[in-house]
Every structure is written in C-alpha cells, then in structure tokens.
Amino acid sequence: MGVRIRLSRVGKKHVPFFRLVAVDSRKKRDGKVLSHIGTYDALEQRVVQFYDQELDKWMKNGALLTQSAKKIVSLYRKTGIYIAPTKHKDNPVVNSLANQEEVRLAPAE
C-alpha cells in the first residue's frame, strides 16, 4: 500500500475548500482517509489548520506528497502562513464571488 498526502475537496460548488489528508493511493479523491493533516481555503488562499506532527509522522513512514500538497506544505513551512494573491485573472467565477463578498460587507445605508 502506497500512502499519499493529497488534497480532498469538501467545499460547495464555486467555493473550493480542501483537506490535506493521508490516504491510500488507490482510493478515490474523497474516499476513506487514514489521517487528517490540515485544511486549506482556496478562495482566501490560506492554510486554516495544519498539524505538523501528523505530517512528519506520515513522511517518516514513507508517505509521498502530491504536487499540490507539496506547494502548500512548503509555502506554509517557509512563512508560517500561506497567503497568495487574491485576484484570479483566469477565473471570472471566483472574481465575481469575491466581488459579491465585498458588496455584502459594505455598510447598509
């Protein structure tokens, strides 16, 4: 059994939210997981939770990181928090959702 550390999607439509999980490489993306390692909010582009001890335990046991998980983990370890640019040039749906959030947060007159 090859263990992979990868992202599992738990968000709604147009609201991507991911869990960083350790899972058997033969399982589905959102299938049964072995361990929960952290959470990642893709709209805000930040790591919400991260269990470093859990990640180290699985890495010592031979788990491999996927490319997307590797990016999130490396940037989190460098900065302590993962913050990326908020504008998405190539995704108009996300930009429209971000604009709706700004409108909702504006004070009512």
N, C-alpha and C. Protein backbone atom coordinates (compact mmCIF):
# COMPACT_ATOMS: atom_id res chain seq x y z
N MET A 1 0.85 -1.19 0.00
CA MET A 1 0.00 0.00 0.00
C MET A 1 0.89 1.24 0.00
N GLY A 2 0.69 2.12 -0.99
CA GLY A 2 1.42 3.37 -1.07
C GLY A 2 0.56 4.49 -0.49
N VAL A 3 1.09 5.17 0.50
CA VAL A 3 0.34 6.26 1.13
C VAL A 3 0.73 7.57 0.48
N ARG A 4 -0.26 8.36 0.12
CA ARG A 4 -0.06 9.68 -0.46
C ARG A 4 -0.67 10.72 0.46
N ILE A 5 -0.04 11.87 0.48
CA ILE A 5 -0.61 13.02 1.18
C ILE A 5 -1.12 13.94 0.08
N ARG A 6 -2.44 14.13 0.05
CA ARG A 6 -3.05 14.89 -1.04
C ARG A 6 -4.24 15.68 -0.54
N LEU A 7 -4.82 16.45 -1.46
CA LEU A 7 -5.96 17.28 -1.12
C LEU A 7 -7.26 16.54 -1.38
N SER A 8 -8.22 16.73 -0.49
CA SER A 8 -9.55 16.16 -0.64
C SER A 8 -10.54 17.31 -0.57
N ARG A 9 -11.38 17.45 -1.57
CA ARG A 9 -12.29 18.59 -1.64
C ARG A 9 -13.51 18.38 -0.75
N VAL A 10 -13.84 19.40 0.04
CA VAL A 10 -15.03 19.34 0.90
C VAL A 10 -15.91 20.56 0.72
N GLY A 11 -15.54 21.50 -0.13
CA GLY A 11 -16.30 22.73 -0.31
C GLY A 11 -17.50 22.54 -1.23
N LYS A 12 -18.36 23.57 -1.23
CA LYS A 12 -19.53 23.57 -2.10
C LYS A 12 -19.14 23.98 -3.52
N LYS A 13 -20.12 24.00 -4.40
CA LYS A 13 -19.89 24.43 -5.78
C LYS A 13 -19.45 25.89 -5.79
N HIS A 14 -18.40 26.19 -6.49
CA HIS A 14 -17.80 27.53 -6.62
C HIS A 14 -17.21 28.04 -5.31
N VAL A 15 -17.10 27.21 -4.29
CA VAL A 15 -16.47 27.60 -3.03
C VAL A 15 -15.49 26.49 -2.64
N PRO A 16 -14.32 26.44 -3.28
CA PRO A 16 -13.39 25.33 -3.03
C PRO A 16 -12.76 25.40 -1.64
N PHE A 17 -12.84 24.30 -0.93
CA PHE A 17 -12.22 24.15 0.39
C PHE A 17 -11.67 22.74 0.44
N PHE A 18 -10.44 22.59 0.89
CA PHE A 18 -9.78 21.30 0.82
C PHE A 18 -9.24 20.87 2.18
N ARG A 19 -9.17 19.56 2.36
CA ARG A 19 -8.49 18.97 3.50
C ARG A 19 -7.20 18.35 2.98
N LEU A 20 -6.14 18.52 3.73
CA LEU A 20 -4.88 17.85 3.44
C LEU A 20 -4.92 16.54 4.21
N VAL A 21 -4.91 15.41 3.49
CA VAL A 21 -5.12 14.11 4.12
C VAL A 21 -4.07 13.10 3.68
N ALA A 22 -3.84 12.09 4.55
CA ALA A 22 -3.04 10.93 4.20
C ALA A 22 -4.02 9.85 3.79
N VAL A 23 -3.81 9.26 2.60
CA VAL A 23 -4.76 8.30 2.05
C VAL A 23 -4.02 7.26 1.22
N ASP A 24 -4.59 6.07 1.14
CA ASP A 24 -4.06 5.03 0.27
C ASP A 24 -4.14 5.54 -1.17
N SER A 25 -3.08 5.39 -1.94
CA SER A 25 -3.03 5.96 -3.28
C SER A 25 -4.06 5.36 -4.23
N ARG A 26 -4.62 4.20 -3.89
CA ARG A 26 -5.61 3.56 -4.76
C ARG A 26 -7.03 4.04 -4.50
N LYS A 27 -7.23 4.82 -3.45
CA LYS A 27 -8.57 5.30 -3.09
C LYS A 27 -8.96 6.50 -3.94
N LYS A 28 -10.26 6.81 -3.93
CA LYS A 28 -10.77 7.97 -4.65
C LYS A 28 -10.30 9.26 -3.98
N ARG A 29 -10.47 10.36 -4.68
CA ARG A 29 -10.05 11.65 -4.14
C ARG A 29 -10.72 11.96 -2.81
N ASP A 30 -12.01 11.69 -2.72
CA ASP A 30 -12.75 11.98 -1.50
C ASP A 30 -13.12 10.70 -0.75
N GLY A 31 -12.34 9.64 -0.95
CA GLY A 31 -12.62 8.36 -0.32
C GLY A 31 -12.17 8.33 1.14
N LYS A 32 -12.10 7.11 1.69
CA LYS A 32 -11.73 6.92 3.09
C LYS A 32 -10.29 7.35 3.32
N VAL A 33 -10.06 8.16 4.36
CA VAL A 33 -8.73 8.69 4.65
C VAL A 33 -8.13 7.99 5.86
N LEU A 34 -6.81 8.01 5.92
CA LEU A 34 -6.10 7.43 7.06
C LEU A 34 -5.90 8.46 8.16
N SER A 35 -5.66 9.71 7.77
CA SER A 35 -5.40 10.74 8.76
C SER A 35 -5.67 12.12 8.17
N HIS A 36 -6.15 13.02 9.00
CA HIS A 36 -6.41 14.41 8.62
C HIS A 36 -5.19 15.24 9.05
N ILE A 37 -4.59 15.96 8.11
CA ILE A 37 -3.36 16.69 8.39
C ILE A 37 -3.58 18.20 8.45
N GLY A 38 -4.54 18.72 7.71
CA GLY A 38 -4.78 20.15 7.73
C GLY A 38 -5.93 20.52 6.82
N THR A 39 -6.25 21.82 6.80
CA THR A 39 -7.29 22.34 5.91
C THR A 39 -6.75 23.55 5.17
N TYR A 40 -7.27 23.73 3.94
CA TYR A 40 -6.81 24.80 3.06
C TYR A 40 -8.02 25.46 2.41
N ASP A 41 -8.12 26.77 2.58
CA ASP A 41 -9.20 27.55 1.99
C ASP A 41 -8.70 28.13 0.67
N ALA A 42 -9.22 27.63 -0.45
CA ALA A 42 -8.72 28.04 -1.75
C ALA A 42 -9.21 29.43 -2.17
N LEU A 43 -10.37 29.85 -1.71
CA LEU A 43 -10.84 31.20 -2.05
C LEU A 43 -9.99 32.26 -1.38
N GLU A 44 -9.72 32.08 -0.11
CA GLU A 44 -8.86 33.02 0.62
C GLU A 44 -7.39 32.71 0.38
N GLN A 45 -7.10 31.54 -0.18
CA GLN A 45 -5.76 31.04 -0.45
C GLN A 45 -4.89 31.11 0.80
N ARG A 46 -5.34 30.39 1.83
CA ARG A 46 -4.59 30.34 3.08
C ARG A 46 -4.81 28.99 3.75
N VAL A 47 -3.84 28.60 4.54
CA VAL A 47 -3.95 27.38 5.32
C VAL A 47 -4.70 27.73 6.60
N VAL A 48 -5.80 27.02 6.87
CA VAL A 48 -6.61 27.30 8.05
C VAL A 48 -6.07 26.54 9.25
N GLN A 49 -5.82 25.24 9.08
CA GLN A 49 -5.26 24.40 10.13
C GLN A 49 -4.10 23.61 9.53
N PHE A 50 -3.13 23.26 10.37
CA PHE A 50 -2.03 22.43 9.91
C PHE A 50 -1.45 21.70 11.11
N TYR A 51 -1.40 20.36 11.01
CA TYR A 51 -0.84 19.53 12.06
C TYR A 51 0.51 19.01 11.60
N ASP A 52 1.56 19.73 11.98
CA ASP A 52 2.91 19.44 11.54
C ASP A 52 3.39 18.07 12.03
N GLN A 53 3.04 17.71 13.27
CA GLN A 53 3.47 16.42 13.83
C GLN A 53 2.87 15.25 13.03
N GLU A 54 1.62 15.41 12.62
CA GLU A 54 0.94 14.37 11.85
C GLU A 54 1.62 14.21 10.48
N LEU A 55 1.98 15.32 9.85
CA LEU A 55 2.67 15.27 8.56
C LEU A 55 4.03 14.59 8.71
N ASP A 56 4.78 14.96 9.73
CA ASP A 56 6.10 14.35 9.94
C ASP A 56 5.99 12.85 10.19
N LYS A 57 4.97 12.44 10.94
CA LYS A 57 4.77 11.02 11.22
C LYS A 57 4.56 10.24 9.92
N TRP A 58 3.73 10.75 9.04
CA TRP A 58 3.45 10.05 7.78
C TRP A 58 4.65 10.11 6.83
N MET A 59 5.38 11.21 6.83
CA MET A 59 6.55 11.31 5.97
C MET A 59 7.64 10.32 6.41
N LYS A 60 7.81 10.13 7.72
CA LYS A 60 8.78 9.16 8.23
C LYS A 60 8.38 7.74 7.87
N ASN A 61 7.08 7.49 7.75
CA ASN A 61 6.60 6.16 7.37
C ASN A 61 6.60 5.93 5.86
N GLY A 62 7.04 6.91 5.09
CA GLY A 62 7.20 6.72 3.65
C GLY A 62 6.11 7.30 2.78
N ALA A 63 5.25 8.14 3.32
CA ALA A 63 4.20 8.76 2.52
C ALA A 63 4.81 9.77 1.56
N LEU A 64 4.22 9.88 0.38
CA LEU A 64 4.68 10.83 -0.64
C LEU A 64 3.67 11.96 -0.78
N LEU A 65 4.17 13.16 -1.03
CA LEU A 65 3.31 14.32 -1.24
C LEU A 65 2.97 14.45 -2.72
N THR A 66 1.73 14.83 -3.03
CA THR A 66 1.39 15.18 -4.40
C THR A 66 1.93 16.58 -4.68
N GLN A 67 1.90 17.00 -5.94
CA GLN A 67 2.45 18.31 -6.28
C GLN A 67 1.70 19.45 -5.60
N SER A 68 0.37 19.39 -5.59
CA SER A 68 -0.40 20.45 -4.97
C SER A 68 -0.18 20.49 -3.46
N ALA A 69 -0.10 19.34 -2.84
CA ALA A 69 0.15 19.29 -1.40
C ALA A 69 1.56 19.79 -1.08
N LYS A 70 2.51 19.46 -1.95
CA LYS A 70 3.89 19.89 -1.73
C LYS A 70 4.00 21.41 -1.76
N LYS A 71 3.28 22.06 -2.67
CA LYS A 71 3.31 23.52 -2.76
C LYS A 71 2.76 24.15 -1.48
N ILE A 72 1.64 23.63 -1.02
CA ILE A 72 1.01 24.19 0.18
C ILE A 72 1.89 23.99 1.40
N VAL A 73 2.44 22.80 1.57
CA VAL A 73 3.26 22.50 2.74
C VAL A 73 4.55 23.32 2.73
N SER A 74 5.22 23.43 1.58
CA SER A 74 6.49 24.16 1.52
C SER A 74 6.29 25.65 1.79
N LEU A 75 5.24 26.24 1.22
CA LEU A 75 5.00 27.66 1.47
C LEU A 75 4.57 27.89 2.91
N TYR A 76 3.82 26.97 3.48
CA TYR A 76 3.41 27.11 4.88
C TYR A 76 4.62 27.04 5.80
N ARG A 77 5.52 26.12 5.52
CA ARG A 77 6.71 25.98 6.39
C ARG A 77 7.65 27.17 6.26
N LYS A 78 7.72 27.78 5.08
CA LYS A 78 8.59 28.94 4.90
C LYS A 78 8.07 30.16 5.64
N THR A 79 6.78 30.43 5.51
CA THR A 79 6.22 31.67 6.02
C THR A 79 5.42 31.51 7.31
N GLY A 80 5.01 30.31 7.62
CA GLY A 80 4.18 30.10 8.80
C GLY A 80 2.71 30.23 8.46
N ILE A 81 2.42 30.91 7.38
CA ILE A 81 1.04 31.04 6.90
C ILE A 81 1.10 31.16 5.38
N TYR A 82 0.14 30.59 4.71
CA TYR A 82 0.14 30.61 3.25
C TYR A 82 -0.83 31.67 2.78
N ILE A 83 -0.31 32.74 2.16
CA ILE A 83 -1.15 33.79 1.59
C ILE A 83 -0.69 34.03 0.16
N ALA A 84 -1.60 33.89 -0.77
CA ALA A 84 -1.30 34.11 -2.18
C ALA A 84 -2.09 35.33 -2.65
N PRO A 85 -1.86 35.81 -3.87
CA PRO A 85 -2.63 36.94 -4.40
C PRO A 85 -4.13 36.63 -4.40
N THR A 86 -4.95 37.65 -4.15
CA THR A 86 -6.38 37.43 -4.03
C THR A 86 -7.10 37.50 -5.36
N LYS A 87 -6.54 38.14 -6.37
CA LYS A 87 -7.20 38.24 -7.67
C LYS A 87 -6.86 37.03 -8.52
N HIS A 88 -7.87 36.48 -9.18
CA HIS A 88 -7.71 35.32 -10.04
C HIS A 88 -7.98 35.79 -11.48
N LYS A 89 -6.94 36.06 -12.24
CA LYS A 89 -7.10 36.60 -13.59
C LYS A 89 -7.86 35.65 -14.51
N ASP A 90 -7.59 34.36 -14.37
CA ASP A 90 -8.14 33.40 -15.31
C ASP A 90 -9.41 32.71 -14.81
N ASN A 91 -9.99 33.16 -13.69
CA ASN A 91 -11.20 32.53 -13.19
C ASN A 91 -12.24 33.60 -12.85
N PRO A 92 -13.11 33.96 -13.81
CA PRO A 92 -14.09 35.02 -13.57
C PRO A 92 -15.13 34.66 -12.52
N VAL A 93 -15.40 33.37 -12.33
CA VAL A 93 -16.39 32.95 -11.32
C VAL A 93 -15.90 33.31 -9.93
N VAL A 94 -14.63 33.01 -9.65
CA VAL A 94 -14.07 33.33 -8.34
C VAL A 94 -14.02 34.83 -8.13
N ASN A 95 -13.65 35.59 -9.17
CA ASN A 95 -13.62 37.05 -9.06
C ASN A 95 -15.01 37.60 -8.77
N SER A 96 -16.05 37.06 -9.42
CA SER A 96 -17.40 37.55 -9.17
C SER A 96 -17.85 37.21 -7.76
N LEU A 97 -17.47 36.03 -7.25
CA LEU A 97 -17.81 35.67 -5.87
C LEU A 97 -17.09 36.59 -4.88
N ALA A 98 -15.83 36.93 -5.17
CA ALA A 98 -15.08 37.83 -4.30
C ALA A 98 -15.73 39.21 -4.29
N ASN A 99 -16.20 39.68 -5.45
CA ASN A 99 -16.87 40.97 -5.51
C ASN A 99 -18.17 40.95 -4.73
N GLN A 100 -18.91 39.85 -4.77
CA GLN A 100 -20.16 39.74 -4.01
C GLN A 100 -19.88 39.81 -2.52
N GLU A 101 -18.80 39.20 -2.07
CA GLU A 101 -18.42 39.27 -0.66
C GLU A 101 -18.16 40.71 -0.25
N GLU A 102 -17.47 41.47 -1.11
CA GLU A 102 -17.18 42.86 -0.78
C GLU A 102 -18.46 43.67 -0.70
N VAL A 103 -19.43 43.38 -1.56
CA VAL A 103 -20.70 44.11 -1.54
C VAL A 103 -21.46 43.78 -0.25
N ARG A 104 -21.46 42.50 0.15
CA ARG A 104 -22.16 42.12 1.38
C ARG A 104 -21.54 42.74 2.63
N LEU A 105 -20.24 42.96 2.59
CA LEU A 105 -19.56 43.51 3.76
C LEU A 105 -19.70 45.03 3.84
N ALA A 106 -20.17 45.67 2.79
CA ALA A 106 -20.33 47.13 2.80
C ALA A 106 -21.48 47.50 3.73
N PRO A 107 -21.34 48.61 4.48
CA PRO A 107 -22.41 49.01 5.39
C PRO A 107 -23.67 49.44 4.64
N ALA A 108 -24.81 49.08 5.19
CA ALA A 108 -26.10 49.43 4.57
C ALA A 108 -26.41 50.89 4.85
N GLU A 109 -27.02 51.54 3.86
CA GLU A 109 -27.38 52.97 4.05
C GLU A 109 -28.85 53.16 4.14
